[in-house]
Amino acid sequence: MAFAGAALVGAESILALTPVAIKKTPLSPISAIWSRILSSAVLGYALTGDRTLPRAEWSGAAALGYTNLLHIASSYEAFRALPAGQAMSLLYTYPLWNLVFGALFAGERVARHEFVAMAVAAIGSALLNLDPGEAAPAAIGRRTSTSWGLLMGLIMALTESGMHTLLRGLGWRDPAKSVWVVSSSASLWLAGLLGAQSLVGEVAVPAISAAATWGDAAWLTLFHSVTMFSGYWLRFYAVPRLSVVTYSILSYAGLLASYLFGMVFLGERPGWWSVVGALLIFGGGLAIQLMGGTTAAKAEDEAVAAA
């Protein structure tokens, strides 16, 4: 369990680099998404020790792929439209959504103090918009749009939680298999959607934007192959090995890392209200652990580890 916890902290810190890469790349969103899901699918397939996918798991794999594709697309839009810290603060409402989804779909009990913590985090999310700071412009030139970014940030958080819930239900213990199936399924969904778009005469977004080069594509693919794959491998390793509460509290390492990376690599300075909002979101997750969740989480962690 200790390694699973360390793996999750490492995963969230690594994945906090995502908005930096998105803002820096001149590639179009479609080409960037292809780079991410194809590189992860290939590496996952090469490294997994279980390449089987029983028919009973097909529907779960399809749901995971679609949810992942929607998550990636919404994250690209959110990170391009908002400061990195603000976008990641919205994403990191997902540990709290994990509790809601666990109660709705897995019959897990949500205690009163957990509802209070979720309310605190919701207030924090609202405060993010009072003084979010300046967003670094995206390399492809999209203008920042707060309302659009907020909507995409909410979808990004909900789909991240959806993947967590689906993966816990499937119970895969091999993280490389999880990466392979999730990314391969997302690739099939994207190919199908683009194919359907071309049949009705719509013009898809160019594979590579006019300002980009094949060197840019190679750089982003290398980033995805190393950073994104390792981040998701570690995250998917932790999913079946930690309780929802423990997973939720450790996830907030990425929220703090996102503000640091935004300042270091993008020169983004968060506003004071944005910092307060982020701290409330962090505090909401921390309160779940401090207000009575420790014993229950420990018992669930032991049960999960023994499974």
C-alpha atoms as a PDB file:
ATOM      1  CA  MET A   1       0.000   0.000   0.000  1.00  0.00           C
ATOM      2  CA  ALA A   2       2.901   2.376   0.744  1.00  0.00           C
ATOM      3  CA  PHE A   3       4.255   1.935  -2.780  1.00  0.00           C
ATOM      4  CA  ALA A   4       0.801   2.513  -4.241  1.00  0.00           C
ATOM      5  CA  GLY A   5       0.536   5.777  -2.320  1.00  0.00           C
ATOM      6  CA  ALA A   6       3.983   6.899  -3.459  1.00  0.00           C
ATOM      7  CA  ALA A   7       3.086   5.898  -7.014  1.00  0.00           C
ATOM      8  CA  LEU A   8      -0.003   8.097  -6.936  1.00  0.00           C
ATOM      9  CA  VAL A   9       1.872  11.128  -5.575  1.00  0.00           C
ATOM     10  CA  GLY A  10       4.473  10.665  -8.305  1.00  0.00           C
ATOM     11  CA  ALA A  11       1.791  10.225 -10.957  1.00  0.00           C
ATOM     12  CA  GLU A  12      -0.071  13.388 -10.035  1.00  0.00           C
ATOM     13  CA  SER A  13       3.146  15.416  -9.926  1.00  0.00           C
ATOM     14  CA  ILE A  14       4.227  14.121 -13.343  1.00  0.00           C
ATOM     15  CA  LEU A  15       0.818  14.678 -14.922  1.00  0.00           C
ATOM     16  CA  ALA A  16       0.799  18.265 -13.636  1.00  0.00           C
ATOM     17  CA  LEU A  17       3.193  18.978 -16.523  1.00  0.00           C
ATOM     18  CA  THR A  18       0.333  18.432 -18.980  1.00  0.00           C
ATOM     19  CA  PRO A  19      -0.826  22.080 -19.233  1.00  0.00           C
ATOM     20  CA  VAL A  20       2.764  23.167 -19.898  1.00  0.00           C
ATOM     21  CA  ALA A  21       3.035  20.832 -22.890  1.00  0.00           C
ATOM     22  CA  ILE A  22      -0.398  21.797 -24.197  1.00  0.00           C
ATOM     23  CA  LYS A  23       0.370  25.516 -24.106  1.00  0.00           C
ATOM     24  CA  LYS A  24       3.825  25.049 -25.630  1.00  0.00           C
ATOM     25  CA  THR A  25       2.937  22.824 -28.580  1.00  0.00           C
ATOM     26  CA  PRO A  26       1.961  24.437 -31.907  1.00  0.00           C
ATOM     27  CA  LEU A  27       0.193  21.257 -33.014  1.00  0.00           C
ATOM     28  CA  SER A  28      -3.554  21.234 -33.552  1.00  0.00           C
ATOM     29  CA  PRO A  29      -5.633  19.537 -30.833  1.00  0.00           C
ATOM     30  CA  ILE A  30      -6.453  16.552 -33.061  1.00  0.00           C
ATOM     31  CA  SER A  31      -2.809  15.806 -33.861  1.00  0.00           C
ATOM     32  CA  ALA A  32      -1.847  16.288 -30.206  1.00  0.00           C
ATOM     33  CA  ILE A  33      -4.554  13.857 -29.098  1.00  0.00           C
ATOM     34  CA  TRP A  34      -3.423  11.288 -31.684  1.00  0.00           C
ATOM     35  CA  SER A  35       0.131  11.637 -30.397  1.00  0.00           C
ATOM     36  CA  ARG A  36      -0.993  10.989 -26.838  1.00  0.00           C
ATOM     37  CA  ILE A  37      -3.329   8.041 -27.281  1.00  0.00           C
ATOM     38  CA  LEU A  38      -1.345   6.170 -29.947  1.00  0.00           C
ATOM     39  CA  SER A  39       1.970   6.383 -28.084  1.00  0.00           C
ATOM     40  CA  SER A  40       0.293   5.207 -24.869  1.00  0.00           C
ATOM     41  CA  ALA A  41      -1.511   2.365 -26.656  1.00  0.00           C
ATOM     42  CA  VAL A  42       1.715   1.076 -28.222  1.00  0.00           C
ATOM     43  CA  LEU A  43       3.733   1.283 -25.003  1.00  0.00           C
ATOM     44  CA  GLY A  44       0.946  -0.231 -22.934  1.00  0.00           C
ATOM     45  CA  TYR A  45       0.610  -3.175 -25.320  1.00  0.00           C
ATOM     46  CA  ALA A  46       4.374  -3.721 -25.368  1.00  0.00           C
ATOM     47  CA  LEU A  47       4.704  -3.721 -21.577  1.00  0.00           C
ATOM     48  CA  THR A  48       1.567  -5.504 -20.401  1.00  0.00           C
ATOM     49  CA  GLY A  49       1.692  -9.123 -19.364  1.00  0.00           C
ATOM     50  CA  ASP A  50      -2.018  -9.587 -20.046  1.00  0.00           C
ATOM     51  CA  ARG A  51      -3.152  -8.885 -23.609  1.00  0.00           C
ATOM     52  CA  THR A  52      -6.477 -10.647 -23.195  1.00  0.00           C
ATOM     53  CA  LEU A  53      -9.786  -8.799 -23.234  1.00  0.00           C
ATOM     54  CA  PRO A  54     -12.754 -11.111 -22.569  1.00  0.00           C
ATOM     55  CA  ARG A  55     -16.027 -10.284 -24.267  1.00  0.00           C
ATOM     56  CA  ALA A  56     -17.526  -9.477 -20.857  1.00  0.00           C
ATOM     57  CA  GLU A  57     -15.091  -6.544 -20.586  1.00  0.00           C
ATOM     58  CA  TRP A  58     -15.750  -5.056 -24.039  1.00  0.00           C
ATOM     59  CA  SER A  59     -18.473  -2.694 -22.870  1.00  0.00           C
ATOM     60  CA  GLY A  60     -16.294  -1.466 -20.010  1.00  0.00           C
ATOM     61  CA  ALA A  61     -13.368  -0.952 -22.387  1.00  0.00           C
ATOM     62  CA  ALA A  62     -15.587   0.991 -24.802  1.00  0.00           C
ATOM     63  CA  ALA A  63     -16.899   3.196 -21.990  1.00  0.00           C
ATOM     64  CA  LEU A  64     -13.356   3.802 -20.741  1.00  0.00           C
ATOM     65  CA  GLY A  65     -12.120   4.763 -24.202  1.00  0.00           C
ATOM     66  CA  TYR A  66     -14.916   7.235 -24.848  1.00  0.00           C
ATOM     67  CA  THR A  67     -14.573   8.750 -21.381  1.00  0.00           C
ATOM     68  CA  ASN A  68     -10.822   9.048 -21.857  1.00  0.00           C
ATOM     69  CA  LEU A  69     -11.208  10.720 -25.251  1.00  0.00           C
ATOM     70  CA  LEU A  70     -13.687  13.223 -23.840  1.00  0.00           C
ATOM     71  CA  HIS A  71     -11.356  13.816 -20.901  1.00  0.00           C
ATOM     72  CA  ILE A  72      -8.347  14.510 -23.120  1.00  0.00           C
ATOM     73  CA  ALA A  73     -10.274  16.815 -25.457  1.00  0.00           C
ATOM     74  CA  SER A  74     -11.780  18.821 -22.589  1.00  0.00           C
ATOM     75  CA  SER A  75      -8.414  19.043 -20.819  1.00  0.00           C
ATOM     76  CA  TYR A  76      -6.760  20.476 -23.932  1.00  0.00           C
ATOM     77  CA  GLU A  77      -9.449  23.132 -24.198  1.00  0.00           C
ATOM     78  CA  ALA A  78      -9.351  23.950 -20.476  1.00  0.00           C
ATOM     79  CA  PHE A  79      -5.564  24.215 -20.362  1.00  0.00           C
ATOM     80  CA  ARG A  80      -5.478  26.429 -23.456  1.00  0.00           C
ATOM     81  CA  ALA A  81      -8.163  28.775 -22.113  1.00  0.00           C
ATOM     82  CA  LEU A  82      -7.195  29.098 -18.433  1.00  0.00           C
ATOM     83  CA  PRO A  83      -4.066  29.601 -16.323  1.00  0.00           C
ATOM     84  CA  ALA A  84      -2.479  26.242 -15.533  1.00  0.00           C
ATOM     85  CA  GLY A  85      -3.160  26.468 -11.793  1.00  0.00           C
ATOM     86  CA  GLN A  86      -6.798  27.447 -12.260  1.00  0.00           C
ATOM     87  CA  ALA A  87      -7.442  24.668 -14.770  1.00  0.00           C
ATOM     88  CA  MET A  88      -5.759  22.092 -12.557  1.00  0.00           C
ATOM     89  CA  SER A  89      -7.718  23.309  -9.531  1.00  0.00           C
ATOM     90  CA  LEU A  90     -10.911  22.548 -11.426  1.00  0.00           C
ATOM     91  CA  LEU A  91      -9.517  19.144 -12.391  1.00  0.00           C
ATOM     92  CA  TYR A  92      -8.722  18.404  -8.761  1.00  0.00           C
ATOM     93  CA  THR A  93     -12.330  18.540  -7.762  1.00  0.00           C
ATOM     94  CA  TYR A  94     -12.357  14.998  -9.200  1.00  0.00           C
ATOM     95  CA  PRO A  95     -11.344  13.258  -5.932  1.00  0.00           C
ATOM     96  CA  LEU A  96     -14.539  14.679  -4.452  1.00  0.00           C
ATOM     97  CA  TRP A  97     -16.536  13.542  -7.477  1.00  0.00           C
ATOM     98  CA  ASN A  98     -15.025  10.098  -6.843  1.00  0.00           C
ATOM     99  CA  LEU A  99     -16.990   9.984  -3.596  1.00  0.00           C
ATOM    100  CA  VAL A 100     -20.207  10.990  -5.346  1.00  0.00           C
ATOM    101  CA  PHE A 101     -19.740   8.425  -8.116  1.00  0.00           C
ATOM    102  CA  GLY A 102     -18.789   5.768  -5.572  1.00  0.00           C
ATOM    103  CA  ALA A 103     -22.051   6.391  -3.728  1.00  0.00           C
ATOM    104  CA  LEU A 104     -24.132   6.452  -6.915  1.00  0.00           C
ATOM    105  CA  PHE A 105     -22.626   3.524  -8.806  1.00  0.00           C
ATOM    106  CA  ALA A 106     -20.832   1.353  -6.253  1.00  0.00           C
ATOM    107  CA  GLY A 107     -23.088   1.717  -3.229  1.00  0.00           C
ATOM    108  CA  GLU A 108     -20.349   3.306  -1.124  1.00  0.00           C
ATOM    109  CA  ARG A 109     -21.535   5.387   1.819  1.00  0.00           C
ATOM    110  CA  VAL A 110     -20.754   9.116   1.824  1.00  0.00           C
ATOM    111  CA  ALA A 111     -20.596  10.480   5.374  1.00  0.00           C
ATOM    112  CA  ARG A 112     -21.932  13.884   6.419  1.00  0.00           C
ATOM    113  CA  HIS A 113     -18.461  15.350   6.900  1.00  0.00           C
ATOM    114  CA  GLU A 114     -17.589  14.288   3.358  1.00  0.00           C
ATOM    115  CA  PHE A 115     -20.548  16.259   2.002  1.00  0.00           C
ATOM    116  CA  VAL A 116     -19.326  19.269   4.015  1.00  0.00           C
ATOM    117  CA  ALA A 117     -15.858  18.855   2.530  1.00  0.00           C
ATOM    118  CA  MET A 118     -17.330  18.738  -0.974  1.00  0.00           C
ATOM    119  CA  ALA A 119     -19.228  21.965  -0.284  1.00  0.00           C
ATOM    120  CA  VAL A 120     -15.996  23.653   0.841  1.00  0.00           C
ATOM    121  CA  ALA A 121     -14.286  22.526  -2.353  1.00  0.00           C
ATOM    122  CA  ALA A 122     -17.212  23.813  -4.427  1.00  0.00           C
ATOM    123  CA  ILE A 123     -16.781  27.245  -2.816  1.00  0.00           C
ATOM    124  CA  GLY A 124     -13.094  27.045  -3.653  1.00  0.00           C
ATOM    125  CA  SER A 125     -13.907  26.328  -7.282  1.00  0.00           C
ATOM    126  CA  ALA A 126     -16.106  29.442  -7.392  1.00  0.00           C
ATOM    127  CA  LEU A 127     -13.358  31.607  -5.872  1.00  0.00           C
ATOM    128  CA  LEU A 128     -10.983  30.575  -8.638  1.00  0.00           C
ATOM    129  CA  ASN A 129     -12.868  32.850 -11.006  1.00  0.00           C
ATOM    130  CA  LEU A 130     -12.640  36.034  -8.948  1.00  0.00           C
ATOM    131  CA  ASP A 131      -8.953  36.628  -9.642  1.00  0.00           C
ATOM    132  CA  PRO A 132      -7.505  33.755 -11.680  1.00  0.00           C
ATOM    133  CA  GLY A 133      -4.373  35.583 -12.801  1.00  0.00           C
ATOM    134  CA  GLU A 134      -3.027  35.802 -16.314  1.00  0.00           C
ATOM    135  CA  ALA A 135      -3.049  32.771 -18.594  1.00  0.00           C
ATOM    136  CA  ALA A 136      -0.023  32.190 -20.800  1.00  0.00           C
ATOM    137  CA  PRO A 137      -1.162  32.236 -24.444  1.00  0.00           C
ATOM    138  CA  ALA A 138      -1.333  28.906 -26.235  1.00  0.00           C
ATOM    139  CA  ALA A 139       1.256  28.422 -28.980  1.00  0.00           C
ATOM    140  CA  ILE A 140      -1.415  27.917 -31.643  1.00  0.00           C
ATOM    141  CA  GLY A 141      -2.870  31.320 -30.821  1.00  0.00           C
ATOM    142  CA  ARG A 142      -6.253  30.548 -29.282  1.00  0.00           C
ATOM    143  CA  ARG A 143      -7.588  33.445 -27.232  1.00  0.00           C
ATOM    144  CA  THR A 144      -8.283  32.717 -23.617  1.00  0.00           C
ATOM    145  CA  SER A 145     -11.961  32.315 -22.717  1.00  0.00           C
ATOM    146  CA  THR A 146     -12.848  31.929 -19.057  1.00  0.00           C
ATOM    147  CA  SER A 147     -16.425  30.680 -19.497  1.00  0.00           C
ATOM    148  CA  TRP A 148     -15.404  28.073 -22.080  1.00  0.00           C
ATOM    149  CA  GLY A 149     -12.432  27.037 -19.990  1.00  0.00           C
ATOM    150  CA  LEU A 150     -14.590  26.603 -16.887  1.00  0.00           C
ATOM    151  CA  LEU A 151     -17.041  24.365 -18.735  1.00  0.00           C
ATOM    152  CA  MET A 152     -14.214  22.266 -20.134  1.00  0.00           C
ATOM    153  CA  GLY A 153     -12.602  22.129 -16.688  1.00  0.00           C
ATOM    154  CA  LEU A 154     -15.787  20.712 -15.189  1.00  0.00           C
ATOM    155  CA  ILE A 155     -16.046  18.072 -17.926  1.00  0.00           C
ATOM    156  CA  MET A 156     -12.359  17.281 -17.414  1.00  0.00           C
ATOM    157  CA  ALA A 157     -12.952  16.611 -13.701  1.00  0.00           C
ATOM    158  CA  LEU A 158     -16.108  14.543 -14.224  1.00  0.00           C
ATOM    159  CA  THR A 159     -14.498  12.348 -16.880  1.00  0.00           C
ATOM    160  CA  GLU A 160     -11.385  11.795 -14.754  1.00  0.00           C
ATOM    161  CA  SER A 161     -13.628  10.591 -11.951  1.00  0.00           C
ATOM    162  CA  GLY A 162     -15.596   8.493 -14.422  1.00  0.00           C
ATOM    163  CA  MET A 163     -12.425   6.679 -15.492  1.00  0.00           C
ATOM    164  CA  HIS A 164     -11.495   6.060 -11.859  1.00  0.00           C
ATOM    165  CA  THR A 165     -14.930   4.562 -11.164  1.00  0.00           C
ATOM    166  CA  LEU A 166     -14.857   2.361 -14.277  1.00  0.00           C
ATOM    167  CA  LEU A 167     -11.342   1.093 -13.563  1.00  0.00           C
ATOM    168  CA  ARG A 168     -12.216   0.211  -9.976  1.00  0.00           C
ATOM    169  CA  GLY A 169     -15.204  -1.719 -11.271  1.00  0.00           C
ATOM    170  CA  LEU A 170     -13.119  -3.659 -13.799  1.00  0.00           C
ATOM    171  CA  GLY A 171     -10.456  -4.406 -11.181  1.00  0.00           C
ATOM    172  CA  TRP A 172      -7.463  -4.725 -13.526  1.00  0.00           C
ATOM    173  CA  ARG A 173      -4.269  -5.096 -11.497  1.00  0.00           C
ATOM    174  CA  ASP A 174      -1.828  -4.634 -14.402  1.00  0.00           C
ATOM    175  CA  PRO A 175      -1.477  -0.874 -15.019  1.00  0.00           C
ATOM    176  CA  ALA A 176       0.092  -1.400 -18.449  1.00  0.00           C
ATOM    177  CA  LYS A 177      -3.029  -3.294 -19.523  1.00  0.00           C
ATOM    178  CA  SER A 178      -5.189  -0.430 -18.291  1.00  0.00           C
ATOM    179  CA  VAL A 179      -3.136   2.073 -20.310  1.00  0.00           C
ATOM    180  CA  TRP A 180      -3.260  -0.175 -23.391  1.00  0.00           C
ATOM    181  CA  VAL A 181      -7.008  -0.775 -23.281  1.00  0.00           C
ATOM    182  CA  VAL A 182      -7.964   2.801 -22.396  1.00  0.00           C
ATOM    183  CA  SER A 183      -5.742   4.339 -25.085  1.00  0.00           C
ATOM    184  CA  SER A 184      -6.569   1.777 -27.782  1.00  0.00           C
ATOM    185  CA  SER A 185     -10.275   2.197 -27.188  1.00  0.00           C
ATOM    186  CA  ALA A 186      -9.911   5.984 -27.317  1.00  0.00           C
ATOM    187  CA  SER A 187      -8.032   5.637 -30.626  1.00  0.00           C
ATOM    188  CA  LEU A 188     -10.886   3.615 -32.113  1.00  0.00           C
ATOM    189  CA  TRP A 189     -13.430   6.155 -30.908  1.00  0.00           C
ATOM    190  CA  LEU A 190     -11.460   9.061 -32.393  1.00  0.00           C
ATOM    191  CA  ALA A 191     -10.995   7.274 -35.720  1.00  0.00           C
ATOM    192  CA  GLY A 192     -14.712   6.495 -35.837  1.00  0.00           C
ATOM    193  CA  LEU A 193     -15.736  10.055 -34.991  1.00  0.00           C
ATOM    194  CA  LEU A 194     -13.407  11.559 -37.599  1.00  0.00           C
ATOM    195  CA  GLY A 195     -14.582   9.018 -40.164  1.00  0.00           C
ATOM    196  CA  ALA A 196     -18.214   9.862 -39.491  1.00  0.00           C
ATOM    197  CA  GLN A 197     -17.362  13.553 -39.709  1.00  0.00           C
ATOM    198  CA  SER A 198     -15.798  13.093 -43.141  1.00  0.00           C
ATOM    199  CA  LEU A 199     -18.828  11.129 -44.406  1.00  0.00           C
ATOM    200  CA  VAL A 200     -21.169  14.034 -43.726  1.00  0.00           C
ATOM    201  CA  GLY A 201     -18.844  16.463 -45.457  1.00  0.00           C
ATOM    202  CA  GLU A 202     -17.400  18.160 -42.397  1.00  0.00           C
ATOM    203  CA  VAL A 203     -13.767  19.203 -42.513  1.00  0.00           C
ATOM    204  CA  ALA A 204     -11.738  17.869 -39.609  1.00  0.00           C
ATOM    205  CA  VAL A 205      -9.121  19.969 -37.841  1.00  0.00           C
ATOM    206  CA  PRO A 206      -5.810  19.685 -39.775  1.00  0.00           C
ATOM    207  CA  ALA A 207      -3.537  16.960 -38.481  1.00  0.00           C
ATOM    208  CA  ILE A 208      -0.704  19.462 -38.012  1.00  0.00           C
ATOM    209  CA  SER A 209      -1.261  23.208 -37.851  1.00  0.00           C
ATOM    210  CA  ALA A 210       0.448  25.562 -40.279  1.00  0.00           C
ATOM    211  CA  ALA A 211       2.877  26.791 -37.622  1.00  0.00           C
ATOM    212  CA  ALA A 212       3.998  23.293 -36.570  1.00  0.00           C
ATOM    213  CA  THR A 213       6.673  21.000 -37.962  1.00  0.00           C
ATOM    214  CA  TRP A 214       7.265  17.277 -37.838  1.00  0.00           C
ATOM    215  CA  GLY A 215       9.896  18.060 -35.216  1.00  0.00           C
ATOM    216  CA  ASP A 216       7.158  19.505 -33.020  1.00  0.00           C
ATOM    217  CA  ALA A 217       5.158  16.315 -33.524  1.00  0.00           C
ATOM    218  CA  ALA A 218       8.186  14.188 -32.604  1.00  0.00           C
ATOM    219  CA  TRP A 219       8.840  16.267 -29.475  1.00  0.00           C
ATOM    220  CA  LEU A 220       5.250  15.987 -28.264  1.00  0.00           C
ATOM    221  CA  THR A 221       5.152  12.249 -28.983  1.00  0.00           C
ATOM    222  CA  LEU A 222       8.344  11.797 -26.951  1.00  0.00           C
ATOM    223  CA  PHE A 223       6.789  13.800 -24.107  1.00  0.00           C
ATOM    224  CA  HIS A 224       3.663  11.655 -24.199  1.00  0.00           C
ATOM    225  CA  SER A 225       5.689   8.441 -24.425  1.00  0.00           C
ATOM    226  CA  VAL A 226       7.760   9.243 -21.351  1.00  0.00           C
ATOM    227  CA  THR A 227       5.813  11.619 -19.143  1.00  0.00           C
ATOM    228  CA  MET A 228       2.172  10.841 -19.879  1.00  0.00           C
ATOM    229  CA  PHE A 229       2.665   7.085 -20.096  1.00  0.00           C
ATOM    230  CA  SER A 230       4.640   6.871 -16.862  1.00  0.00           C
ATOM    231  CA  GLY A 231       2.173   9.179 -15.105  1.00  0.00           C
ATOM    232  CA  TYR A 232      -0.844   7.138 -16.110  1.00  0.00           C
ATOM    233  CA  TRP A 233       0.956   3.844 -15.465  1.00  0.00           C
ATOM    234  CA  LEU A 234       1.580   4.950 -11.886  1.00  0.00           C
ATOM    235  CA  ARG A 235      -1.969   6.293 -11.502  1.00  0.00           C
ATOM    236  CA  PHE A 236      -3.572   3.124 -12.855  1.00  0.00           C
ATOM    237  CA  TYR A 237      -1.304   1.082 -10.578  1.00  0.00           C
ATOM    238  CA  ALA A 238      -2.729   2.944  -7.576  1.00  0.00           C
ATOM    239  CA  VAL A 239      -6.419   2.815  -8.562  1.00  0.00           C
ATOM    240  CA  PRO A 240      -7.176  -0.807  -7.558  1.00  0.00           C
ATOM    241  CA  ARG A 241      -4.800  -0.734  -4.581  1.00  0.00           C
ATOM    242  CA  LEU A 242      -6.035   2.282  -2.613  1.00  0.00           C
ATOM    243  CA  SER A 243      -9.362   3.154  -1.064  1.00  0.00           C
ATOM    244  CA  VAL A 244     -11.332   6.021  -2.589  1.00  0.00           C
ATOM    245  CA  VAL A 245     -10.601   8.237   0.434  1.00  0.00           C
ATOM    246  CA  THR A 246      -6.849   7.559   0.465  1.00  0.00           C
ATOM    247  CA  TYR A 247      -6.677   7.957  -3.307  1.00  0.00           C
ATOM    248  CA  SER A 248      -8.520  11.257  -3.052  1.00  0.00           C
ATOM    249  CA  ILE A 249      -6.278  12.846  -0.446  1.00  0.00           C
ATOM    250  CA  LEU A 250      -3.007  11.811  -2.126  1.00  0.00           C
ATOM    251  CA  SER A 251      -4.201  13.137  -5.484  1.00  0.00           C
ATOM    252  CA  TYR A 252      -3.835  16.724  -4.314  1.00  0.00           C
ATOM    253  CA  ALA A 253      -0.068  16.581  -4.806  1.00  0.00           C
ATOM    254  CA  GLY A 254      -0.805  17.367  -8.445  1.00  0.00           C
ATOM    255  CA  LEU A 255      -2.761  20.506  -7.575  1.00  0.00           C
ATOM    256  CA  LEU A 256       0.202  22.027  -5.774  1.00  0.00           C
ATOM    257  CA  ALA A 257       2.611  20.910  -8.508  1.00  0.00           C
ATOM    258  CA  SER A 258       0.465  22.515 -11.207  1.00  0.00           C
ATOM    259  CA  TYR A 259       0.799  25.977  -9.660  1.00  0.00           C
ATOM    260  CA  LEU A 260       4.556  25.509  -9.320  1.00  0.00           C
ATOM    261  CA  PHE A 261       4.985  24.333 -12.922  1.00  0.00           C
ATOM    262  CA  GLY A 262       2.758  27.145 -14.206  1.00  0.00           C
ATOM    263  CA  MET A 263       5.009  29.715 -12.526  1.00  0.00           C
ATOM    264  CA  VAL A 264       8.315  28.065 -13.475  1.00  0.00           C
ATOM    265  CA  PHE A 265       7.646  27.081 -17.098  1.00  0.00           C
ATOM    266  CA  LEU A 266       4.905  29.481 -18.210  1.00  0.00           C
ATOM    267  CA  GLY A 267       5.477  32.551 -16.064  1.00  0.00           C
ATOM    268  CA  GLU A 268       1.878  32.436 -14.807  1.00  0.00           C
ATOM    269  CA  ARG A 269       1.216  34.179 -11.504  1.00  0.00           C
ATOM    270  CA  PRO A 270      -2.029  33.186  -9.802  1.00  0.00           C
ATOM    271  CA  GLY A 271      -4.251  35.854  -8.255  1.00  0.00           C
ATOM    272  CA  TRP A 272      -4.857  35.817  -4.512  1.00  0.00           C
ATOM    273  CA  TRP A 273      -8.444  34.602  -4.803  1.00  0.00           C
ATOM    274  CA  SER A 274      -7.237  31.803  -7.039  1.00  0.00           C
ATOM    275  CA  VAL A 275      -4.765  30.739  -4.360  1.00  0.00           C
ATOM    276  CA  VAL A 276      -7.500  30.869  -1.703  1.00  0.00           C
ATOM    277  CA  GLY A 277      -9.793  28.801  -3.927  1.00  0.00           C
ATOM    278  CA  ALA A 278      -7.085  26.215  -4.534  1.00  0.00           C
ATOM    279  CA  LEU A 279      -6.423  25.978  -0.793  1.00  0.00           C
ATOM    280  CA  LEU A 280     -10.132  25.433  -0.126  1.00  0.00           C
ATOM    281  CA  ILE A 281     -10.233  22.641  -2.702  1.00  0.00           C
ATOM    282  CA  PHE A 282      -7.136  21.125  -1.095  1.00  0.00           C
ATOM    283  CA  GLY A 283      -8.648  21.626   2.354  1.00  0.00           C
ATOM    284  CA  GLY A 284     -11.871  19.940   1.324  1.00  0.00           C
ATOM    285  CA  GLY A 285      -9.962  16.820   0.393  1.00  0.00           C
ATOM    286  CA  LEU A 286      -7.802  16.981   3.506  1.00  0.00           C
ATOM    287  CA  ALA A 287     -10.883  17.352   5.714  1.00  0.00           C
ATOM    288  CA  ILE A 288     -12.216  14.042   4.421  1.00  0.00           C
ATOM    289  CA  GLN A 289      -9.182  12.371   5.934  1.00  0.00           C
ATOM    290  CA  LEU A 290      -9.050  14.364   9.171  1.00  0.00           C
ATOM    291  CA  MET A 291     -12.769  14.338  10.022  1.00  0.00           C
ATOM    292  CA  GLY A 292     -13.207  10.638  10.490  1.00  0.00           C
ATOM    293  CA  GLY A 293     -12.177   9.005   7.238  1.00  0.00           C
ATOM    294  CA  THR A 294      -8.847   7.644   8.459  1.00  0.00           C
ATOM    295  CA  THR A 295     -10.076   4.447  10.135  1.00  0.00           C
ATOM    296  CA  ALA A 296     -12.513   3.580   7.378  1.00  0.00           C
ATOM    297  CA  ALA A 297      -9.949   4.289   4.691  1.00  0.00           C
ATOM    298  CA  LYS A 298      -7.334   2.170   6.454  1.00  0.00           C
ATOM    299  CA  ALA A 299      -9.744  -0.755   6.708  1.00  0.00           C
ATOM    300  CA  GLU A 300     -10.662  -0.427   3.037  1.00  0.00           C
ATOM    301  CA  ASP A 301      -6.995  -0.119   2.028  1.00  0.00           C
ATOM    302  CA  GLU A 302      -6.226  -3.364   3.850  1.00  0.00           C
ATOM    303  CA  ALA A 303      -9.182  -5.099   2.210  1.00  0.00           C
ATOM    304  CA  VAL A 304      -8.186  -3.833  -1.249  1.00  0.00           C
ATOM    305  CA  ALA A 305      -4.565  -4.876  -0.749  1.00  0.00           C
ATOM    306  CA  ALA A 306      -5.666  -8.366   0.276  1.00  0.00           C
ATOM    307  CA  ALA A 307      -7.863  -8.780  -2.822  1.00  0.00           C
END
